[in-house]
Amino acid sequence: MHACGHDSHTAMLLGTAALLVKEEFPGTVRFLFQPSEEAGDEEGKSGAARMITDGAMDGVDLVIGLHVDPSTPVGDILIEAGPASGV
């Protein structure tokens, strides 16, 4: 682990999935974990760009994403409309 938050992102994603599977609501929830956000592949694509090319966003109406940011004070949650973090 290089302590950039991947472990906490994974725990939050799996924890949320474990809670939502117990709920009953219309629609579908898709959990996405962005791989390789730091490096490109042989086509120069990485992370989100590769996922989009591969169809991960097909049929998706809404995305709620999160990122661990050590500069955000403990207890604060920052919310932005539109693209945030790396685009």
N, C-alpha and C. Protein backbone atom coordinates (compact mmCIF):
# COMPACT_ATOMS: atom_id res chain seq x y z
N MET A 1 0.84 -1.17 0.00
CA MET A 1 0.00 0.00 0.00
C MET A 1 0.88 1.24 0.00
N HIS A 2 0.54 2.23 -0.83
CA HIS A 2 1.27 3.47 -0.79
C HIS A 2 0.48 4.59 -0.11
N ALA A 3 -0.52 4.20 0.67
CA ALA A 3 -1.26 5.08 1.59
C ALA A 3 -1.89 6.31 0.94
N CYS A 4 -2.35 6.19 -0.29
CA CYS A 4 -3.00 7.34 -0.93
C CYS A 4 -4.51 7.27 -0.80
N GLY A 5 -5.03 6.29 -0.12
CA GLY A 5 -6.46 6.23 0.10
C GLY A 5 -7.16 5.07 -0.56
N HIS A 6 -6.46 4.28 -1.37
CA HIS A 6 -7.12 3.17 -2.06
C HIS A 6 -7.77 2.20 -1.07
N ASP A 7 -7.11 1.97 0.05
CA ASP A 7 -7.69 1.06 1.05
C ASP A 7 -8.98 1.64 1.63
N SER A 8 -9.00 2.93 1.92
CA SER A 8 -10.22 3.53 2.46
C SER A 8 -11.31 3.61 1.39
N HIS A 9 -10.94 3.89 0.14
CA HIS A 9 -11.93 3.91 -0.94
C HIS A 9 -12.58 2.55 -1.10
N THR A 10 -11.77 1.50 -1.06
CA THR A 10 -12.30 0.14 -1.19
C THR A 10 -13.24 -0.20 -0.04
N ALA A 11 -12.84 0.14 1.18
CA ALA A 11 -13.67 -0.13 2.35
C ALA A 11 -15.01 0.62 2.26
N MET A 12 -14.97 1.88 1.83
CA MET A 12 -16.21 2.66 1.71
C MET A 12 -17.13 2.10 0.62
N LEU A 13 -16.55 1.70 -0.50
CA LEU A 13 -17.33 1.14 -1.60
C LEU A 13 -17.99 -0.17 -1.17
N LEU A 14 -17.23 -1.05 -0.57
CA LEU A 14 -17.77 -2.34 -0.13
C LEU A 14 -18.78 -2.17 1.01
N GLY A 15 -18.50 -1.25 1.93
CA GLY A 15 -19.43 -0.98 3.03
C GLY A 15 -20.76 -0.44 2.53
N THR A 16 -20.71 0.47 1.59
CA THR A 16 -21.94 1.03 1.01
C THR A 16 -22.71 -0.05 0.27
N ALA A 17 -22.02 -0.88 -0.49
CA ALA A 17 -22.69 -1.98 -1.20
C ALA A 17 -23.36 -2.92 -0.22
N ALA A 18 -22.68 -3.23 0.89
CA ALA A 18 -23.24 -4.13 1.90
C ALA A 18 -24.52 -3.55 2.52
N LEU A 19 -24.56 -2.23 2.70
CA LEU A 19 -25.76 -1.59 3.25
C LEU A 19 -26.87 -1.50 2.22
N LEU A 20 -26.55 -1.11 0.99
CA LEU A 20 -27.58 -0.92 -0.02
C LEU A 20 -28.22 -2.22 -0.48
N VAL A 21 -27.50 -3.32 -0.40
CA VAL A 21 -28.08 -4.60 -0.83
C VAL A 21 -29.27 -4.99 0.05
N LYS A 22 -29.35 -4.41 1.23
CA LYS A 22 -30.45 -4.69 2.16
C LYS A 22 -31.67 -3.80 1.90
N GLU A 23 -31.51 -2.80 1.04
CA GLU A 23 -32.58 -1.85 0.76
C GLU A 23 -33.37 -2.27 -0.48
N GLU A 24 -34.61 -1.80 -0.54
CA GLU A 24 -35.44 -2.08 -1.70
C GLU A 24 -35.86 -0.76 -2.31
N PHE A 25 -35.45 -0.51 -3.54
CA PHE A 25 -35.82 0.71 -4.23
C PHE A 25 -35.77 0.45 -5.73
N PRO A 26 -36.50 1.28 -6.50
CA PRO A 26 -36.49 1.08 -7.95
C PRO A 26 -35.16 1.53 -8.54
N GLY A 27 -34.76 0.90 -9.59
CA GLY A 27 -33.54 1.31 -10.27
C GLY A 27 -32.37 0.39 -9.96
N THR A 28 -31.25 0.76 -10.50
CA THR A 28 -30.03 -0.02 -10.37
C THR A 28 -28.91 0.86 -9.86
N VAL A 29 -28.13 0.33 -8.95
CA VAL A 29 -26.95 1.03 -8.46
C VAL A 29 -25.73 0.30 -9.00
N ARG A 30 -24.84 1.03 -9.60
CA ARG A 30 -23.60 0.46 -10.14
C ARG A 30 -22.44 1.04 -9.34
N PHE A 31 -21.63 0.17 -8.79
CA PHE A 31 -20.45 0.60 -8.05
C PHE A 31 -19.23 0.53 -8.95
N LEU A 32 -18.51 1.63 -9.04
CA LEU A 32 -17.33 1.70 -9.90
C LEU A 32 -16.12 2.05 -9.04
N PHE A 33 -15.04 1.37 -9.28
CA PHE A 33 -13.78 1.69 -8.63
C PHE A 33 -12.79 1.99 -9.73
N GLN A 34 -12.32 3.23 -9.78
CA GLN A 34 -11.44 3.66 -10.86
C GLN A 34 -10.03 3.11 -10.66
N PRO A 35 -9.58 2.25 -11.57
CA PRO A 35 -8.20 1.76 -11.49
C PRO A 35 -7.23 2.71 -12.18
N SER A 36 -6.01 2.57 -11.91
CA SER A 36 -4.93 3.19 -12.68
C SER A 36 -5.13 4.67 -12.98
N GLU A 37 -5.49 5.44 -11.95
CA GLU A 37 -5.67 6.87 -12.20
C GLU A 37 -4.35 7.61 -12.35
N GLU A 38 -3.26 6.95 -11.97
CA GLU A 38 -1.96 7.62 -12.03
C GLU A 38 -1.16 7.33 -13.29
N ALA A 39 -1.52 6.29 -14.04
CA ALA A 39 -0.69 5.88 -15.18
C ALA A 39 -1.56 5.55 -16.39
N GLY A 40 -1.02 5.79 -17.57
CA GLY A 40 -1.74 5.49 -18.80
C GLY A 40 -1.40 4.11 -19.33
N ASP A 41 -2.29 3.59 -20.17
CA ASP A 41 -2.04 2.31 -20.82
C ASP A 41 -1.33 2.54 -22.15
N GLU A 42 -1.28 1.50 -22.99
CA GLU A 42 -0.58 1.61 -24.27
C GLU A 42 -1.20 2.63 -25.22
N GLU A 43 -2.47 3.00 -24.97
CA GLU A 43 -3.14 4.01 -25.79
C GLU A 43 -3.12 5.39 -25.12
N GLY A 44 -2.44 5.50 -23.99
CA GLY A 44 -2.38 6.77 -23.28
C GLY A 44 -3.61 7.07 -22.44
N LYS A 45 -4.47 6.08 -22.25
CA LYS A 45 -5.67 6.26 -21.44
C LYS A 45 -5.44 5.67 -20.06
N SER A 46 -6.09 6.25 -19.08
CA SER A 46 -5.99 5.70 -17.72
C SER A 46 -7.32 5.85 -17.01
N GLY A 47 -7.45 5.16 -15.92
CA GLY A 47 -8.58 5.31 -15.01
C GLY A 47 -9.92 5.53 -15.66
N ALA A 48 -10.50 6.70 -15.38
CA ALA A 48 -11.85 7.01 -15.83
C ALA A 48 -11.99 6.99 -17.36
N ALA A 49 -11.00 7.52 -18.06
CA ALA A 49 -11.08 7.54 -19.53
C ALA A 49 -11.19 6.13 -20.09
N ARG A 50 -10.43 5.20 -19.57
CA ARG A 50 -10.48 3.81 -20.02
C ARG A 50 -11.83 3.18 -19.66
N MET A 51 -12.32 3.46 -18.46
CA MET A 51 -13.60 2.91 -18.03
C MET A 51 -14.73 3.40 -18.94
N ILE A 52 -14.71 4.68 -19.30
CA ILE A 52 -15.73 5.25 -20.17
C ILE A 52 -15.66 4.59 -21.55
N THR A 53 -14.45 4.46 -22.09
CA THR A 53 -14.26 3.80 -23.39
C THR A 53 -14.78 2.36 -23.35
N ASP A 54 -14.58 1.70 -22.22
CA ASP A 54 -15.00 0.30 -22.08
C ASP A 54 -16.48 0.14 -21.73
N GLY A 55 -17.23 1.26 -21.59
CA GLY A 55 -18.67 1.18 -21.40
C GLY A 55 -19.17 1.26 -19.97
N ALA A 56 -18.31 1.59 -19.03
CA ALA A 56 -18.73 1.62 -17.62
C ALA A 56 -19.84 2.63 -17.35
N MET A 57 -19.95 3.66 -18.18
CA MET A 57 -20.96 4.69 -17.96
C MET A 57 -22.21 4.51 -18.81
N ASP A 58 -22.25 3.47 -19.61
CA ASP A 58 -23.42 3.22 -20.46
C ASP A 58 -24.66 3.03 -19.58
N GLY A 59 -25.70 3.79 -19.83
CA GLY A 59 -26.95 3.67 -19.08
C GLY A 59 -26.94 4.32 -17.72
N VAL A 60 -25.90 5.06 -17.40
CA VAL A 60 -25.80 5.72 -16.09
C VAL A 60 -26.43 7.10 -16.18
N ASP A 61 -27.34 7.41 -15.25
CA ASP A 61 -28.02 8.70 -15.22
C ASP A 61 -27.40 9.68 -14.23
N LEU A 62 -26.76 9.16 -13.19
CA LEU A 62 -26.23 10.00 -12.12
C LEU A 62 -25.00 9.35 -11.53
N VAL A 63 -24.01 10.16 -11.25
CA VAL A 63 -22.80 9.66 -10.61
C VAL A 63 -22.58 10.42 -9.31
N ILE A 64 -22.33 9.68 -8.27
CA ILE A 64 -21.91 10.26 -7.00
C ILE A 64 -20.53 9.69 -6.73
N GLY A 65 -19.54 10.54 -6.71
CA GLY A 65 -18.17 10.08 -6.51
C GLY A 65 -17.61 10.64 -5.23
N LEU A 66 -16.51 10.05 -4.82
CA LEU A 66 -15.84 10.59 -3.65
C LEU A 66 -14.34 10.42 -3.80
N HIS A 67 -13.64 11.24 -3.09
CA HIS A 67 -12.19 11.16 -3.07
C HIS A 67 -11.71 11.55 -1.68
N VAL A 68 -10.75 10.84 -1.18
CA VAL A 68 -10.16 11.18 0.11
C VAL A 68 -9.18 12.32 -0.12
N ASP A 69 -9.39 13.42 0.59
CA ASP A 69 -8.53 14.60 0.44
C ASP A 69 -8.00 14.99 1.82
N PRO A 70 -6.73 14.74 2.08
CA PRO A 70 -6.20 15.03 3.41
C PRO A 70 -6.20 16.52 3.78
N SER A 71 -6.44 17.40 2.80
CA SER A 71 -6.48 18.82 3.12
C SER A 71 -7.85 19.26 3.62
N THR A 72 -8.86 18.39 3.52
CA THR A 72 -10.20 18.70 4.03
C THR A 72 -10.24 18.40 5.52
N PRO A 73 -10.67 19.36 6.34
CA PRO A 73 -10.72 19.13 7.79
C PRO A 73 -11.62 17.95 8.16
N VAL A 74 -11.23 17.23 9.18
CA VAL A 74 -12.02 16.09 9.66
C VAL A 74 -13.43 16.57 9.99
N GLY A 75 -14.42 15.83 9.54
CA GLY A 75 -15.81 16.17 9.78
C GLY A 75 -16.45 17.00 8.69
N ASP A 76 -15.65 17.58 7.80
CA ASP A 76 -16.18 18.37 6.69
C ASP A 76 -16.42 17.48 5.48
N ILE A 77 -17.46 17.81 4.73
CA ILE A 77 -17.76 17.14 3.47
C ILE A 77 -17.89 18.24 2.42
N LEU A 78 -17.15 18.14 1.36
CA LEU A 78 -17.21 19.11 0.28
C LEU A 78 -18.05 18.54 -0.84
N ILE A 79 -18.98 19.34 -1.34
CA ILE A 79 -19.87 18.89 -2.41
C ILE A 79 -19.77 19.89 -3.55
N GLU A 80 -19.60 19.37 -4.79
CA GLU A 80 -19.50 20.21 -5.96
C GLU A 80 -20.38 19.63 -7.06
N ALA A 81 -20.99 20.50 -7.83
CA ALA A 81 -21.73 20.05 -9.01
C ALA A 81 -20.75 20.02 -10.18
N GLY A 82 -20.88 19.04 -11.05
CA GLY A 82 -20.00 18.94 -12.21
C GLY A 82 -18.69 18.29 -11.86
N PRO A 83 -17.75 18.33 -12.78
CA PRO A 83 -16.46 17.67 -12.59
C PRO A 83 -15.71 18.24 -11.38
N ALA A 84 -15.06 17.34 -10.67
CA ALA A 84 -14.24 17.73 -9.52
C ALA A 84 -12.99 16.85 -9.51
N SER A 85 -11.99 17.25 -8.79
CA SER A 85 -10.70 16.56 -8.77
C SER A 85 -10.13 16.54 -10.19
N GLY A 86 -9.48 15.46 -10.56
CA GLY A 86 -8.93 15.35 -11.91
C GLY A 86 -10.03 15.15 -12.92
N VAL A 87 -9.95 15.81 -14.04
CA VAL A 87 -10.99 15.68 -15.07
C VAL A 87 -10.44 14.94 -16.25
